[in-house]
Amino acid sequence: MSGKKTEILKYKAPDGNTIRFPVATIEGAQDGPHFVITAGIHGCEYPAIVSSIDFFKKTDPADVNGTITIVTVCSMDAFEQRSPFVSPADKVNPNRVFPGKADGTYTDVLVYHLFNDIIKGSDYHLDVHGGDLVEYLDPFSMYHKGSDETVNAKSKEMAEYYGFTNVIETYGDGAWPDKGTNYANSSEHGIPSAIVEAGNTGLLEPEFVELHVKGIENVLRHFGVLVGEADKPGAIRYYKDFKWLYSPIQGIYRRTVEVGAEVTEGQPLGVIENVFGDKLADVSANAAGRIVFLTANPSIADNGLLMGIAQS
C-alpha cells in the first residue's frame, strides 16, 4: 500500500548510549527499486539534513515507483550537540569506519546498524553532505570506482545527474583513500552510490537546500524512482582523484586562495603564523587541480586539514 511513514529506530551502544535514526519512508504507488538517502552523517551539515526533510515532505507517493527510505539525521548526538565531523561519545568520524562493528565503540555500532539494517540490500544509495561548521565548498559529487563495472557506471550516473559541475572519481588506494566512507562501502557491497556536497560553514542557506532537493529529485527521475523526465547533466569537470592538504604546524592560517580556485602543484596558498604574527611555515599546493573544499576557520591544529584539491 502506498503512503508515507516516519519512525525513530533505536539501538543500544556498548557504552550505554542510545543510537537513534529518524527514518522517513515513502512507499510508491507503483513497484520499483528501493532507493536509500542518508543525510547528517556529520551532524552539523544542515543543508543536507533539511533538504532530505523537505524532499520527504513535498514528495507525493503517487509519483514514486518503488520505495524511498530517508535517514534524515544519521548522527543524532552530533546534531543535537553541534559536534562537527565526529560523534561526541568517542570522537570518531562516522564516515571513516564503514561498515562498522557490532561490538565496537559508539560510532562503530552506529555505522554497523545504519549499513546493515537500513542501507544493505537496497538498489541505490545517495549520501547527502554539505558545509560542516568550518568548511567552504565548491559543490561536488564523488563516486567510488571498484571492481564491479556495472556498479561503477551507475554510481557515476548518480554523481552526474545530481547536477553539480565537479564530479570526482575516487579509489580505495588513491591519493585520498576512500575506504571506510559510506558511499564507497555501499559500492563495494554492490549498491550504486554517490556522495554529494554543497553548503557552507554550518549555515542553513536556502540556495543550497534547494540545490540538494533538485539534485535528489533529478537522480530519482533518472533511475525511474520518481516520475518525470530527468534533466540531462550540463557541463561537467571530471576529476580522477582527490588530494587533501594538511598544516605542517599548529597556528593561524592566513590563506591567499579561495574555494573553487584552480591551483598548480607548489603554488603558494598562504602562511601559518603564531599568535604574535610570526611566520611559522609556508603553505603550498601539494597537487594541481581545483580546490573543492577548504577550512574557513583560521585556527589550525598541527596536521590540521586545510583543503581538498580535486585532481584532473
Protein backbone atom coordinates (compact mmCIF):
# COMPACT_ATOMS: atom_id res chain seq x y z
CA MET A 1 0.00 0.00 0.00
CA SER A 2 1.39 3.39 -0.96
CA GLY A 3 1.90 6.12 1.59
CA LYS A 4 4.33 7.76 3.98
CA LYS A 5 5.54 6.87 7.44
CA THR A 6 8.08 8.13 9.97
CA GLU A 7 9.75 6.30 12.84
CA ILE A 8 12.73 6.51 15.17
CA LEU A 9 14.85 3.36 15.14
CA LYS A 10 16.78 2.83 18.38
CA TYR A 11 19.80 0.69 19.25
CA LYS A 12 21.97 0.32 22.33
CA ALA A 13 25.68 1.05 22.11
CA PRO A 14 28.13 -0.83 24.38
CA ASP A 15 28.75 2.33 26.44
CA GLY A 16 25.06 2.52 27.36
CA ASN A 17 24.20 5.35 24.98
CA THR A 18 21.17 5.06 22.71
CA ILE A 19 21.69 5.32 18.97
CA ARG A 20 18.71 6.85 17.13
CA PHE A 21 17.90 7.04 13.45
CA PRO A 22 14.94 9.17 12.27
CA VAL A 23 13.70 7.25 9.23
CA ALA A 24 11.13 8.56 6.75
CA THR A 25 9.75 6.12 4.20
CA ILE A 26 7.77 6.71 1.02
CA GLU A 27 6.04 3.66 -0.41
CA GLY A 28 5.25 4.35 -4.03
CA ALA A 29 2.02 3.66 -5.82
CA GLN A 30 3.89 1.52 -8.35
CA ASP A 31 6.54 -1.19 -7.98
CA GLY A 32 10.15 -0.18 -8.47
CA PRO A 33 13.60 -0.03 -6.91
CA HIS A 34 14.47 0.58 -3.27
CA PHE A 35 16.38 3.86 -3.02
CA VAL A 36 18.08 4.90 0.26
CA ILE A 37 19.03 8.51 1.07
CA THR A 38 21.26 9.25 4.06
CA ALA A 39 21.89 12.74 5.45
CA GLY A 40 23.51 14.06 8.59
CA ILE A 41 26.36 11.55 8.82
CA HIS A 42 28.05 14.71 10.08
CA GLY A 43 25.59 16.37 12.43
CA CYS A 44 26.32 20.00 11.51
CA GLU A 45 25.80 19.69 7.76
CA TYR A 46 22.43 21.40 7.85
CA PRO A 47 21.60 21.91 4.14
CA ALA A 48 21.88 18.15 3.64
CA ILE A 49 19.65 17.38 6.62
CA VAL A 50 16.95 19.93 5.80
CA SER A 51 16.91 19.06 2.09
CA SER A 52 16.22 15.41 2.91
CA ILE A 53 13.35 16.51 5.16
CA ASP A 54 11.96 18.92 2.56
CA PHE A 55 12.15 16.25 -0.14
CA PHE A 56 10.16 13.86 2.05
CA LYS A 57 7.53 16.49 2.85
CA LYS A 58 6.93 17.52 -0.76
CA THR A 59 7.01 14.11 -2.47
CA ASP A 60 3.68 12.50 -3.32
CA PRO A 61 3.70 8.67 -3.11
CA ALA A 62 1.61 8.67 -6.30
CA ASP A 63 4.71 9.95 -8.10
CA VAL A 64 7.00 7.22 -6.75
CA ASN A 65 7.90 3.86 -8.25
CA GLY A 66 9.20 1.59 -5.52
CA THR A 67 10.36 2.62 -2.05
CA ILE A 68 12.40 5.59 -0.85
CA THR A 69 13.97 5.29 2.60
CA ILE A 70 15.40 8.51 4.06
CA VAL A 71 17.55 8.77 7.18
CA THR A 72 17.24 12.50 7.79
CA VAL A 73 19.91 12.64 10.53
CA CYS A 74 22.30 9.70 10.78
CA SER A 75 24.27 11.16 13.72
CA MET A 76 21.66 12.47 16.12
CA ASP A 77 24.03 13.05 19.06
CA ALA A 78 26.37 15.09 16.85
CA PHE A 79 23.38 17.04 15.52
CA GLU A 80 21.98 17.81 18.97
CA GLN A 81 25.37 18.71 20.45
CA ARG A 82 26.57 20.67 17.39
CA SER A 83 29.62 18.45 17.08
CA PRO A 84 31.30 18.79 13.66
CA PHE A 85 32.81 15.76 11.95
CA VAL A 86 32.85 13.35 14.90
CA SER A 87 30.48 11.59 17.30
CA PRO A 88 30.62 13.26 20.75
CA ALA A 89 30.67 9.89 22.53
CA ASP A 90 34.01 8.64 21.18
CA LYS A 91 35.34 11.45 18.94
CA VAL A 92 35.27 9.17 15.87
CA ASN A 93 34.29 10.32 12.37
CA PRO A 94 31.42 8.02 11.25
CA ASN A 95 32.40 8.49 7.62
CA ARG A 96 35.70 6.67 8.14
CA VAL A 97 34.61 3.41 9.78
CA PHE A 98 32.04 1.79 7.46
CA PRO A 99 30.79 -0.95 7.54
CA GLY A 100 31.24 -0.65 11.32
CA LYS A 101 31.30 -3.32 14.03
CA ALA A 102 28.51 -4.72 16.17
CA ASP A 103 30.84 -4.89 19.20
CA GLY A 104 32.90 -1.72 18.71
CA THR A 105 32.69 1.78 20.12
CA TYR A 106 29.61 4.01 19.85
CA THR A 107 30.40 5.11 16.29
CA ASP A 108 31.32 1.58 15.14
CA VAL A 109 27.92 0.36 16.32
CA LEU A 110 26.07 3.35 14.85
CA VAL A 111 27.62 2.70 11.43
CA TYR A 112 27.06 -1.04 11.71
CA HIS A 113 23.30 -0.64 12.20
CA LEU A 114 22.99 2.15 9.64
CA PHE A 115 24.52 -0.03 6.97
CA ASN A 116 23.22 -3.49 7.91
CA ASP A 117 19.68 -2.53 8.95
CA ILE A 118 18.92 0.31 6.53
CA ILE A 119 21.27 0.58 3.55
CA LYS A 120 22.20 -3.04 2.87
CA GLY A 121 20.02 -4.77 0.29
CA SER A 122 18.83 -1.55 -1.35
CA ASP A 123 19.19 -0.88 -5.08
CA TYR A 124 20.68 2.64 -4.86
CA HIS A 125 22.19 4.80 -2.13
CA LEU A 126 22.73 8.56 -2.10
CA ASP A 127 24.76 10.08 0.76
CA VAL A 128 23.96 13.80 1.10
CA HIS A 129 26.52 16.11 2.77
CA GLY A 130 27.37 19.77 2.88
CA GLY A 131 29.19 22.54 4.64
CA ASP A 132 30.20 21.44 8.14
CA LEU A 133 30.86 24.20 10.69
CA VAL A 134 34.28 25.23 9.34
CA GLU A 135 34.00 24.28 5.66
CA TYR A 136 33.57 26.27 2.46
CA LEU A 137 32.54 24.12 -0.52
CA ASP A 138 32.52 24.36 -4.29
CA PRO A 139 29.64 21.90 -4.81
CA PHE A 140 30.86 18.48 -5.91
CA SER A 141 29.81 14.85 -6.28
CA MET A 142 32.02 11.79 -5.79
CA TYR A 143 31.67 8.13 -6.64
CA HIS A 144 33.84 5.13 -5.84
CA LYS A 145 35.45 3.13 -8.62
CA GLY A 146 35.67 -0.52 -7.60
CA SER A 147 35.86 -3.88 -9.36
CA ASP A 148 32.19 -4.06 -10.46
CA GLU A 149 31.88 -2.08 -13.70
CA THR A 150 28.07 -2.07 -13.63
CA VAL A 151 28.04 -0.55 -10.14
CA ASN A 152 30.75 1.91 -11.20
CA ALA A 153 28.72 3.07 -14.20
CA LYS A 154 25.51 3.59 -12.20
CA SER A 155 27.40 5.34 -9.40
CA LYS A 156 28.93 7.69 -11.94
CA GLU A 157 25.47 8.44 -13.35
CA MET A 158 24.24 9.29 -9.85
CA ALA A 159 27.10 11.77 -9.45
CA GLU A 160 26.47 13.28 -12.89
CA TYR A 161 22.68 13.58 -12.67
CA TYR A 162 22.86 15.34 -9.29
CA GLY A 163 23.72 18.37 -11.37
CA PHE A 164 26.97 19.63 -9.82
CA THR A 165 29.75 20.78 -12.13
CA ASN A 166 32.54 18.97 -10.24
CA VAL A 167 32.49 15.15 -10.38
CA ILE A 168 35.31 13.22 -8.70
CA GLU A 169 36.17 9.54 -9.10
CA THR A 170 37.87 8.01 -6.04
CA TYR A 171 39.63 4.73 -5.32
CA GLY A 172 40.34 2.58 -2.31
CA ASP A 173 44.07 3.05 -2.82
CA GLY A 174 44.07 6.52 -4.37
CA ALA A 175 45.72 9.75 -3.24
CA TRP A 176 42.77 10.09 -0.87
CA PRO A 177 41.79 6.53 0.11
CA ASP A 178 38.00 6.38 0.38
CA LYS A 179 37.90 3.12 2.36
CA GLY A 180 35.56 3.41 5.33
CA THR A 181 33.31 6.03 3.76
CA ASN A 182 29.58 5.49 3.45
CA TYR A 183 29.38 5.76 -0.34
CA ALA A 184 32.46 3.62 -1.05
CA ASN A 185 31.25 0.92 1.35
CA SER A 186 27.89 0.74 -0.41
CA SER A 187 29.59 0.49 -3.80
CA GLU A 188 31.87 -2.30 -2.56
CA HIS A 189 28.73 -4.17 -1.43
CA GLY A 190 27.18 -3.93 -4.90
CA ILE A 191 24.97 -0.88 -4.31
CA PRO A 192 25.45 2.03 -6.74
CA SER A 193 26.22 5.04 -4.58
CA ALA A 194 27.48 8.61 -4.61
CA ILE A 195 28.29 11.31 -2.08
CA VAL A 196 27.13 14.85 -2.86
CA GLU A 197 28.39 18.00 -1.13
CA ALA A 198 27.02 21.56 -1.10
CA GLY A 199 26.80 24.17 1.65
CA ASN A 200 28.98 26.45 3.74
CA THR A 201 30.16 26.72 7.35
CA GLY A 202 27.16 25.23 9.13
CA LEU A 203 24.73 27.74 7.64
CA LEU A 204 21.22 26.82 6.56
CA GLU A 205 21.26 28.75 3.30
CA PRO A 206 18.10 28.23 1.19
CA GLU A 207 20.02 28.16 -2.09
CA PHE A 208 21.93 25.05 -1.03
CA VAL A 209 18.86 23.32 0.37
CA GLU A 210 17.11 23.92 -2.96
CA LEU A 211 20.19 22.74 -4.84
CA HIS A 212 20.16 19.46 -2.92
CA VAL A 213 16.41 18.91 -3.34
CA LYS A 214 16.72 19.48 -7.06
CA GLY A 215 19.65 17.06 -7.24
CA ILE A 216 17.84 14.35 -5.28
CA GLU A 217 14.78 14.65 -7.50
CA ASN A 218 16.80 14.54 -10.71
CA VAL A 219 18.72 11.40 -9.70
CA LEU A 220 15.49 9.66 -8.71
CA ARG A 221 13.88 10.59 -12.02
CA HIS A 222 16.90 9.32 -13.93
CA PHE A 223 16.62 5.90 -12.29
CA GLY A 224 12.85 5.73 -12.66
CA VAL A 225 12.04 6.01 -8.96
CA LEU A 226 10.33 9.38 -9.37
CA VAL A 227 8.01 10.07 -12.29
CA GLY A 228 9.05 12.67 -14.82
CA GLU A 229 11.92 13.29 -17.18
CA ALA A 230 15.35 13.90 -15.64
CA ASP A 231 17.37 16.90 -16.78
CA LYS A 232 20.47 15.87 -18.69
CA PRO A 233 23.76 16.73 -16.99
CA GLY A 234 25.27 20.03 -18.07
CA ALA A 235 28.94 20.83 -18.45
CA ILE A 236 30.96 18.69 -16.05
CA ARG A 237 34.54 18.95 -14.87
CA TYR A 238 35.77 15.40 -14.27
CA TYR A 239 38.48 14.69 -11.72
CA LYS A 240 40.29 11.37 -11.27
CA ASP A 241 41.43 11.68 -7.68
CA PHE A 242 41.35 13.80 -4.55
CA LYS A 243 44.31 15.17 -2.58
CA TRP A 244 43.97 16.62 0.92
CA LEU A 245 46.37 19.25 2.24
CA TYR A 246 47.28 19.39 5.94
CA SER A 247 49.04 22.02 8.02
CA PRO A 248 52.71 21.35 8.86
CA ILE A 249 52.28 23.04 12.24
CA GLN A 250 49.71 24.42 14.67
CA GLY A 251 48.88 28.10 14.30
CA ILE A 252 46.81 30.72 12.49
CA TYR A 253 46.34 30.05 8.78
CA ARG A 254 46.30 33.17 6.62
CA ARG A 255 45.16 31.82 3.28
CA THR A 256 45.63 33.58 -0.04
CA VAL A 257 43.27 31.37 -2.02
CA GLU A 258 39.51 30.83 -2.22
CA VAL A 259 37.38 27.75 -2.71
CA GLY A 260 36.85 26.97 -6.39
CA ALA A 261 40.32 28.17 -7.39
CA GLU A 262 42.42 26.19 -9.87
CA VAL A 263 45.95 25.74 -8.50
CA THR A 264 49.23 24.30 -9.68
CA GLU A 265 51.45 21.98 -7.66
CA GLY A 266 53.78 24.03 -5.48
CA GLN A 267 51.69 27.20 -5.77
CA PRO A 268 51.82 29.34 -2.58
CA LEU A 269 48.48 29.21 -0.73
CA GLY A 270 49.25 31.23 2.39
CA VAL A 271 51.23 31.08 5.62
CA ILE A 272 50.89 29.71 9.15
CA GLU A 273 51.63 32.28 11.88
CA ASN A 274 51.83 32.09 15.66
CA VAL A 275 49.68 34.19 17.99
CA PHE A 276 52.19 37.07 17.73
CA GLY A 277 52.12 37.18 13.94
CA ASP A 278 55.47 35.49 13.38
CA LYS A 279 55.55 33.24 10.32
CA LEU A 280 55.95 29.58 11.22
CA ALA A 281 55.54 27.94 7.82
CA ASP A 282 54.59 28.49 4.21
CA VAL A 283 51.64 26.59 2.74
CA SER A 284 51.91 25.36 -0.85
CA ALA A 285 49.65 23.20 -3.03
CA ASN A 286 50.55 19.51 -2.84
CA ALA A 287 48.83 18.81 -6.17
CA ALA A 288 47.46 20.54 -9.24
CA GLY A 289 43.69 20.80 -9.51
CA ARG A 290 40.63 22.60 -8.18
CA ILE A 291 40.03 23.47 -4.52
CA VAL A 292 36.58 21.99 -3.84
CA PHE A 293 36.61 22.49 -0.08
CA LEU A 294 38.69 24.39 2.41
CA THR A 295 38.70 25.05 6.12
CA ALA A 296 37.33 28.54 6.70
CA ASN A 297 38.42 28.84 10.33
CA PRO A 298 41.99 30.20 10.64
CA SER A 299 42.73 28.28 13.86
CA ILE A 300 44.57 25.17 12.64
CA ALA A 301 45.94 22.24 14.62
CA ASP A 302 49.22 20.52 13.88
CA ASN A 303 48.45 18.31 10.87
CA GLY A 304 45.06 20.01 10.69
CA LEU A 305 43.09 19.76 7.48
CA LEU A 306 43.35 22.86 5.27
CA MET A 307 41.67 21.93 1.99
CA GLY A 308 40.84 19.28 -0.59
CA ILE A 309 42.14 19.52 -4.15
CA ALA A 310 40.35 17.59 -6.90
CA GLN A 311 42.96 16.33 -9.36
CA SER A 312 42.45 16.21 -13.12
